[in-house]
Amino acid sequence: MKSCKVLAASLIAITLTAGFSLKAAEESVNSFSGEPVEVNATTSSTSETTQNEDATKDKKEEKKGEFPIQGTVQGDSLRLRSWPWGPVIGMFNTGMPVTITGESGEFYEVTINGQSGFMHKNYVSTSKAPASRIAPYYPGNTASGGYLPKSEGITQSESAAKSGSTPSGTRSTPSAAESGALASYTGGQLPSDKFIALFGPVARESMRNTGVPASVTIAQAILETGWGRSSIGDAKNLFGIKGTGPAGTTRVSTQECYNGQFVTIQDGFRRYNSWQESIDDHAKLLQNSRYGGALNQYKQTKNADNYARGIHQAGYATDPNYVNKLINLMKSYNLYQWDI
């Protein structure tokens, strides 16, 4: 009887080699006894499980062995959080060194300036993985400094990391073609339709994350650059924002209106590493306390024209006709279609 079982086992092995499924082999009948052949599925399953567990353990050990590694912050006012999408416990600027001690979904676990917490991977560069600087999907009110409960934040972070995007229906990102077109654009005047098609999706995505109306963002970029003709040399500055940017400062001649008179002065303007960086910085500027009142009102009324008036009244641009020029562009090219 023992030899029959051995022979039956051999037949099963042949059957498996011939391409039958394990289930089919289990249901094969012993031609000697007429009884179903018993396959030790429990042992096989246990063996596979052990192998899988060992492989998973090896991967975890291999991943664990990668840390700690050194990196740098690549984004002004990057938030350090208690856990993924947790409370903000610190803010750090571009160039700050950071020690990465682990990862959790779309976040790195880090130590920076004596503090420990979590930073979004999109804004931390390492020697092997440069920061993408692409604005992530901000769940809940996290874009404005809010946070999620710990379990929810970790789940959200891991889900986004696994899918490579946000859950279906919660976010609409520019397509890969649009992102590629933006990255390959080197500056220079564009026809109106091409300029709007290039920057419209990015402005809309920025609006999803910040609330700043895309129609105003596009109109400002058109007005400040002359449809791309001038972006402060090679500074990639779409909005004429002054000061020092992530890539430094460019000094150029500019016209300003003082006491009703236009005068030409030399001034420093922010330099950016990418067009996306310029758009992100513009949105951040319009969320500060100076322009926050206009943004809060827009969130209630959804009136982009009044929002444009609000930021102008708060001191954005010295040209007394600035807001009228913006509204004319928004109406002429129906830029409102990009608002969400």
Protein backbone atom coordinates (compact mmCIF):
# COMPACT_ATOMS: atom_id res chain seq x y z
CA MET A 1 0.00 0.00 0.00
CA LYS A 2 2.89 2.30 0.84
CA SER A 3 4.43 1.72 -2.63
CA CYS A 4 1.09 2.55 -4.24
CA LYS A 5 1.05 5.88 -2.44
CA VAL A 6 4.58 6.61 -3.60
CA LEU A 7 3.63 5.77 -7.18
CA ALA A 8 0.51 7.90 -6.90
CA ALA A 9 2.58 10.78 -5.65
CA SER A 10 4.86 10.34 -8.67
CA LEU A 11 1.86 10.44 -10.97
CA ILE A 12 0.71 13.65 -9.30
CA ALA A 13 4.13 15.21 -9.86
CA ILE A 14 3.92 14.27 -13.55
CA THR A 15 0.42 15.71 -13.74
CA LEU A 16 1.62 18.96 -12.20
CA THR A 17 4.57 19.09 -14.62
CA ALA A 18 2.18 18.64 -17.52
CA GLY A 19 0.54 21.89 -16.52
CA PHE A 20 -2.51 20.83 -14.49
CA SER A 21 -3.45 22.98 -11.54
CA LEU A 22 -2.87 21.90 -7.95
CA LYS A 23 -6.60 21.64 -7.53
CA ALA A 24 -6.82 19.23 -10.47
CA ALA A 25 -4.02 17.12 -8.99
CA GLU A 26 -5.80 16.99 -5.64
CA GLU A 27 -8.92 15.69 -7.33
CA SER A 28 -7.05 13.02 -9.35
CA VAL A 29 -8.10 9.43 -8.60
CA ASN A 30 -5.66 6.70 -7.61
CA SER A 31 -5.95 4.19 -10.46
CA PHE A 32 -4.83 1.38 -8.15
CA SER A 33 -7.34 1.82 -5.37
CA GLY A 34 -10.07 3.92 -6.99
CA GLU A 35 -9.80 6.36 -4.08
CA PRO A 36 -8.91 10.04 -4.32
CA VAL A 37 -5.21 10.65 -3.92
CA GLU A 38 -4.38 12.62 -0.79
CA VAL A 39 -2.03 15.51 -1.47
CA ASN A 40 -0.44 17.05 1.60
CA ALA A 41 -1.81 20.50 0.72
CA THR A 42 -1.37 21.69 4.30
CA THR A 43 2.35 21.00 4.20
CA SER A 44 2.68 22.60 0.76
CA SER A 45 0.70 25.67 1.84
CA THR A 46 2.68 25.95 5.05
CA SER A 47 5.92 25.73 3.10
CA GLU A 48 4.80 28.45 0.67
CA THR A 49 3.64 30.65 3.54
CA THR A 50 6.98 30.21 5.30
CA GLN A 51 8.83 31.10 2.10
CA ASN A 52 6.67 34.19 1.56
CA GLU A 53 7.14 35.27 5.15
CA ASP A 54 10.89 34.79 4.81
CA ALA A 55 10.92 36.83 1.58
CA THR A 56 8.87 39.60 3.17
CA LYS A 57 11.16 39.58 6.18
CA ASP A 58 14.20 39.78 3.90
CA LYS A 59 12.69 42.73 2.04
CA LYS A 60 11.91 44.52 5.28
CA GLU A 61 15.42 43.87 6.56
CA GLU A 62 16.83 45.06 3.22
CA LYS A 63 14.67 48.22 3.34
CA LYS A 64 15.56 48.77 6.97
CA GLY A 65 19.23 48.55 6.05
CA GLU A 66 18.87 51.54 3.74
CA PHE A 67 18.43 53.92 6.67
CA PRO A 68 19.61 56.27 8.00
CA ILE A 69 20.40 58.32 4.89
CA GLN A 70 21.05 62.02 4.44
CA GLY A 71 18.82 64.37 2.47
CA THR A 72 17.88 68.01 2.05
CA VAL A 73 14.60 69.90 2.19
CA GLN A 74 13.41 71.10 -1.22
CA GLY A 75 10.51 73.41 -0.48
CA ASP A 76 10.01 76.58 1.52
CA SER A 77 8.02 76.17 4.73
CA LEU A 78 7.96 72.38 4.43
CA ARG A 79 5.94 70.98 7.30
CA LEU A 80 7.30 68.52 9.81
CA ARG A 81 4.40 66.45 11.17
CA SER A 82 3.97 64.22 14.21
CA TRP A 83 2.82 61.37 11.92
CA PRO A 84 1.80 61.15 8.24
CA TRP A 85 -0.74 63.99 7.78
CA GLY A 86 -0.49 64.60 11.53
CA PRO A 87 -0.19 67.88 13.49
CA VAL A 88 2.47 70.32 12.26
CA ILE A 89 5.34 70.56 14.74
CA GLY A 90 7.81 72.58 12.67
CA MET A 91 8.47 74.25 9.30
CA PHE A 92 11.75 74.20 7.39
CA ASN A 93 13.08 75.83 4.22
CA THR A 94 14.97 74.69 1.13
CA GLY A 95 18.51 73.48 1.75
CA MET A 96 18.04 72.36 5.35
CA PRO A 97 19.85 69.04 5.98
CA VAL A 98 17.69 66.18 7.16
CA THR A 99 18.44 62.65 8.37
CA ILE A 100 15.97 60.09 7.02
CA THR A 101 15.49 57.24 9.49
CA GLY A 102 12.61 55.39 7.83
CA GLU A 103 9.50 55.76 5.70
CA SER A 104 5.74 55.44 6.03
CA GLY A 105 3.77 55.48 2.80
CA GLU A 106 4.33 58.79 1.02
CA PHE A 107 6.29 60.23 3.98
CA TYR A 108 9.84 59.95 5.23
CA GLU A 109 10.46 59.57 8.95
CA VAL A 110 13.11 62.16 9.68
CA THR A 111 15.21 64.00 12.21
CA ILE A 112 15.86 67.67 11.45
CA ASN A 113 17.33 70.39 13.62
CA GLY A 114 16.92 68.19 16.70
CA GLN A 115 13.25 67.38 15.99
CA SER A 116 11.82 64.06 14.87
CA GLY A 117 8.72 63.60 12.75
CA PHE A 118 7.51 63.01 9.19
CA MET A 119 8.02 64.97 5.96
CA HIS A 120 6.42 64.38 2.56
CA LYS A 121 8.77 62.60 0.14
CA ASN A 122 7.93 65.00 -2.70
CA TYR A 123 9.90 67.73 -0.95
CA VAL A 124 12.92 65.85 0.39
CA SER A 125 15.88 65.04 -1.87
CA THR A 126 18.39 62.24 -1.42
CA SER A 127 21.36 61.27 -3.59
CA LYS A 128 19.28 58.48 -5.16
CA ALA A 129 15.86 60.13 -5.25
CA PRO A 130 15.62 63.85 -6.07
CA ALA A 131 12.51 65.61 -4.77
CA SER A 132 9.76 65.80 -7.39
CA ARG A 133 8.34 68.99 -5.82
CA ILE A 134 4.94 67.98 -7.21
CA ALA A 135 2.13 69.12 -4.96
CA PRO A 136 0.54 66.02 -3.42
CA TYR A 137 -3.14 65.48 -2.71
CA TYR A 138 -3.85 67.10 0.67
CA PRO A 139 -6.59 65.16 2.47
CA GLY A 140 -9.07 67.08 4.62
CA ASN A 141 -7.78 70.51 5.66
CA THR A 142 -4.12 69.47 5.80
CA ALA A 143 -3.13 71.98 3.10
CA SER A 144 -3.95 74.83 5.49
CA GLY A 145 -2.15 73.29 8.47
CA GLY A 146 -4.85 70.88 9.66
CA TYR A 147 -4.30 67.21 10.35
CA LEU A 148 -5.87 63.76 10.32
CA PRO A 149 -6.18 61.34 13.25
CA LYS A 150 -3.13 59.08 13.43
CA SER A 151 -4.68 55.88 12.06
CA GLU A 152 -6.44 57.77 9.27
CA GLY A 153 -3.30 59.70 8.35
CA ILE A 154 -1.17 56.57 8.13
CA THR A 155 -3.83 54.74 6.08
CA GLN A 156 -4.15 57.70 3.68
CA SER A 157 -0.38 57.92 3.27
CA GLU A 158 0.06 54.21 2.59
CA SER A 159 -2.87 54.13 0.16
CA ALA A 160 -1.46 57.03 -1.86
CA ALA A 161 2.00 55.45 -1.94
CA LYS A 162 0.66 52.09 -3.18
CA SER A 163 -1.53 53.56 -5.91
CA GLY A 164 0.97 56.19 -6.98
CA SER A 165 -1.87 58.70 -6.90
CA THR A 166 -4.85 59.61 -4.81
CA PRO A 167 -8.03 57.53 -4.42
CA SER A 168 -10.30 57.63 -7.45
CA GLY A 169 -12.58 60.62 -7.59
CA THR A 170 -10.72 62.77 -5.05
CA ARG A 171 -8.18 64.44 -7.29
CA SER A 172 -7.62 65.28 -10.92
CA THR A 173 -3.94 65.73 -11.74
CA PRO A 174 -2.42 67.02 -14.98
CA SER A 175 -1.74 64.19 -17.39
CA ALA A 176 1.77 62.91 -17.96
CA ALA A 177 1.75 64.64 -21.36
CA GLU A 178 0.81 67.96 -19.75
CA SER A 179 3.47 67.54 -17.07
CA GLY A 180 6.04 66.66 -19.73
CA ALA A 181 5.07 69.64 -21.86
CA LEU A 182 5.46 71.96 -18.88
CA ALA A 183 8.86 70.50 -18.02
CA SER A 184 10.10 70.87 -21.60
CA TYR A 185 8.89 74.46 -22.01
CA THR A 186 11.96 76.71 -21.97
CA GLY A 187 10.15 80.03 -22.04
CA GLY A 188 9.18 82.40 -24.83
CA GLN A 189 5.93 83.83 -26.10
CA LEU A 190 3.21 81.33 -26.97
CA PRO A 191 -0.10 81.67 -28.83
CA SER A 192 -2.91 82.31 -26.37
CA ASP A 193 -4.48 78.87 -26.74
CA LYS A 194 -1.18 77.05 -26.20
CA PHE A 195 -0.24 79.17 -23.18
CA ILE A 196 -3.60 78.49 -21.54
CA ALA A 197 -3.48 74.78 -22.41
CA LEU A 198 0.01 74.57 -20.88
CA PHE A 199 -0.65 76.37 -17.60
CA GLY A 200 -4.39 75.80 -17.15
CA PRO A 201 -4.16 72.23 -15.77
CA VAL A 202 -1.38 73.20 -13.36
CA ALA A 203 -3.31 76.24 -12.11
CA ARG A 204 -6.39 74.06 -11.57
CA GLU A 205 -4.38 71.50 -9.62
CA SER A 206 -2.93 74.29 -7.51
CA MET A 207 -6.48 75.47 -6.82
CA ARG A 208 -7.45 72.00 -5.60
CA ASN A 209 -4.66 72.17 -3.05
CA THR A 210 -4.83 75.82 -2.01
CA GLY A 211 -8.19 77.32 -3.00
CA VAL A 212 -6.58 80.10 -5.08
CA PRO A 213 -8.81 80.41 -8.18
CA ALA A 214 -7.15 79.05 -11.29
CA SER A 215 -8.71 81.77 -13.46
CA VAL A 216 -6.84 84.47 -11.54
CA THR A 217 -3.59 82.49 -11.51
CA ILE A 218 -3.66 82.06 -15.30
CA ALA A 219 -4.61 85.70 -15.89
CA GLN A 220 -1.77 86.89 -13.66
CA ALA A 221 0.73 84.68 -15.50
CA ILE A 222 -0.49 86.04 -18.85
CA LEU A 223 -0.32 89.64 -17.70
CA GLU A 224 3.03 89.39 -15.91
CA THR A 225 4.84 87.49 -18.70
CA GLY A 226 3.08 88.76 -21.83
CA TRP A 227 1.98 85.24 -22.81
CA GLY A 228 5.40 83.89 -21.83
CA ARG A 229 7.49 86.53 -23.58
CA SER A 230 9.26 87.55 -20.35
CA SER A 231 9.66 85.50 -17.19
CA ILE A 232 12.47 87.63 -15.71
CA GLY A 233 15.19 86.25 -17.97
CA ASP A 234 15.68 82.58 -17.16
CA ALA A 235 14.29 82.94 -13.63
CA LYS A 236 11.07 81.06 -14.49
CA ASN A 237 9.22 83.75 -12.54
CA LEU A 238 5.65 83.76 -13.90
CA PHE A 239 4.20 86.33 -11.51
CA GLY A 240 6.84 89.02 -11.03
CA ILE A 241 7.33 88.09 -7.36
CA LYS A 242 10.23 89.99 -5.80
CA GLY A 243 12.83 88.75 -3.36
CA THR A 244 14.95 85.61 -3.12
CA GLY A 245 13.54 82.37 -4.51
CA PRO A 246 14.65 78.74 -4.21
CA ALA A 247 17.21 79.34 -6.98
CA GLY A 248 18.31 82.81 -5.86
CA THR A 249 17.62 86.32 -7.16
CA THR A 250 17.70 88.05 -10.55
CA ARG A 251 18.02 91.85 -10.66
CA VAL A 252 16.33 93.58 -13.59
CA SER A 253 14.78 96.92 -14.51
CA THR A 254 11.08 97.19 -13.76
CA GLN A 255 8.39 99.83 -13.88
CA GLU A 256 6.50 100.67 -10.70
CA CYS A 257 3.73 103.18 -10.11
CA TYR A 258 4.33 105.65 -7.27
CA ASN A 259 2.04 108.62 -6.59
CA GLY A 260 0.35 108.07 -9.93
CA GLN A 261 3.62 108.14 -11.89
CA PHE A 262 5.44 105.18 -13.47
CA VAL A 263 9.15 105.06 -12.68
CA THR A 264 11.85 102.59 -13.72
CA ILE A 265 13.88 101.00 -10.94
CA GLN A 266 16.29 98.10 -10.46
CA ASP A 267 14.87 95.39 -8.26
CA GLY A 268 15.49 91.75 -7.31
CA PHE A 269 13.08 89.03 -8.40
CA ARG A 270 12.80 85.44 -7.24
CA ARG A 271 14.44 82.72 -9.30
CA TYR A 272 12.89 79.23 -9.54
CA ASN A 273 14.14 75.82 -10.57
CA SER A 274 10.92 75.01 -12.44
CA TRP A 275 7.64 76.52 -13.60
CA GLN A 276 5.81 74.35 -11.08
CA GLU A 277 7.91 75.88 -8.31
CA SER A 278 6.86 79.36 -9.43
CA ILE A 279 3.18 78.42 -9.38
CA ASP A 280 3.48 76.79 -5.94
CA ASP A 281 5.24 79.85 -4.53
CA HIS A 282 2.58 82.16 -5.97
CA ALA A 283 -0.19 80.14 -4.31
CA LYS A 284 1.69 80.16 -1.01
CA LEU A 285 2.04 83.96 -1.20
CA LEU A 286 -1.70 84.38 -1.74
CA GLN A 287 -2.45 82.27 1.33
CA ASN A 288 -0.57 84.55 3.73
CA SER A 289 -2.26 86.92 6.17
CA ARG A 290 -2.05 89.89 3.79
CA TYR A 291 -4.22 88.25 1.12
CA GLY A 292 -5.99 85.69 3.32
CA GLY A 293 -9.12 87.81 3.69
CA ALA A 294 -9.71 87.83 -0.05
CA LEU A 295 -9.24 84.06 -0.22
CA ASN A 296 -11.66 83.44 2.65
CA GLN A 297 -14.27 85.60 0.94
CA TYR A 298 -13.76 83.76 -2.35
CA LYS A 299 -14.34 80.41 -0.67
CA GLN A 300 -17.77 81.68 0.37
CA THR A 301 -18.79 83.53 -2.79
CA LYS A 302 -16.85 81.74 -5.57
CA ASN A 303 -16.57 85.11 -7.33
CA ALA A 304 -13.18 85.23 -9.04
CA ASP A 305 -13.59 88.86 -10.15
CA ASN A 306 -14.09 89.99 -6.56
CA TYR A 307 -11.14 87.87 -5.48
CA ALA A 308 -8.95 89.70 -8.01
CA ARG A 309 -10.21 93.01 -6.62
CA GLY A 310 -9.51 91.82 -3.10
CA ILE A 311 -5.84 90.93 -3.62
CA HIS A 312 -5.28 94.18 -5.54
CA GLN A 313 -6.80 96.19 -2.70
CA ALA A 314 -4.53 94.30 -0.31
CA GLY A 315 -1.51 95.57 -2.22
CA TYR A 316 -0.81 93.06 -5.00
CA ALA A 317 0.77 95.11 -7.86
CA THR A 318 1.15 98.88 -7.99
CA ASP A 319 -0.52 99.39 -11.38
CA PRO A 320 -3.91 101.08 -10.66
CA ASN A 321 -5.43 99.29 -13.68
CA TYR A 322 -4.08 95.88 -12.69
CA VAL A 323 -7.36 94.37 -11.57
CA ASN A 324 -9.24 95.59 -14.66
CA LYS A 325 -6.60 93.98 -16.88
CA LEU A 326 -6.96 90.70 -15.00
CA ILE A 327 -10.74 90.65 -15.27
CA ASN A 328 -10.63 91.50 -18.97
CA LEU A 329 -8.32 88.54 -19.58
CA MET A 330 -10.50 86.23 -17.52
CA LYS A 331 -13.60 87.22 -19.49
CA SER A 332 -11.98 87.37 -22.94
CA TYR A 333 -10.52 83.86 -22.70
CA ASN A 334 -13.13 82.34 -20.38
CA LEU A 335 -10.49 81.45 -17.84
CA TYR A 336 -13.27 80.72 -15.35
CA GLN A 337 -13.60 77.30 -16.98
CA TRP A 338 -10.45 76.23 -15.11
CA ASP A 339 -11.96 76.99 -11.70
CA ILE A 340 -13.34 74.09 -9.70
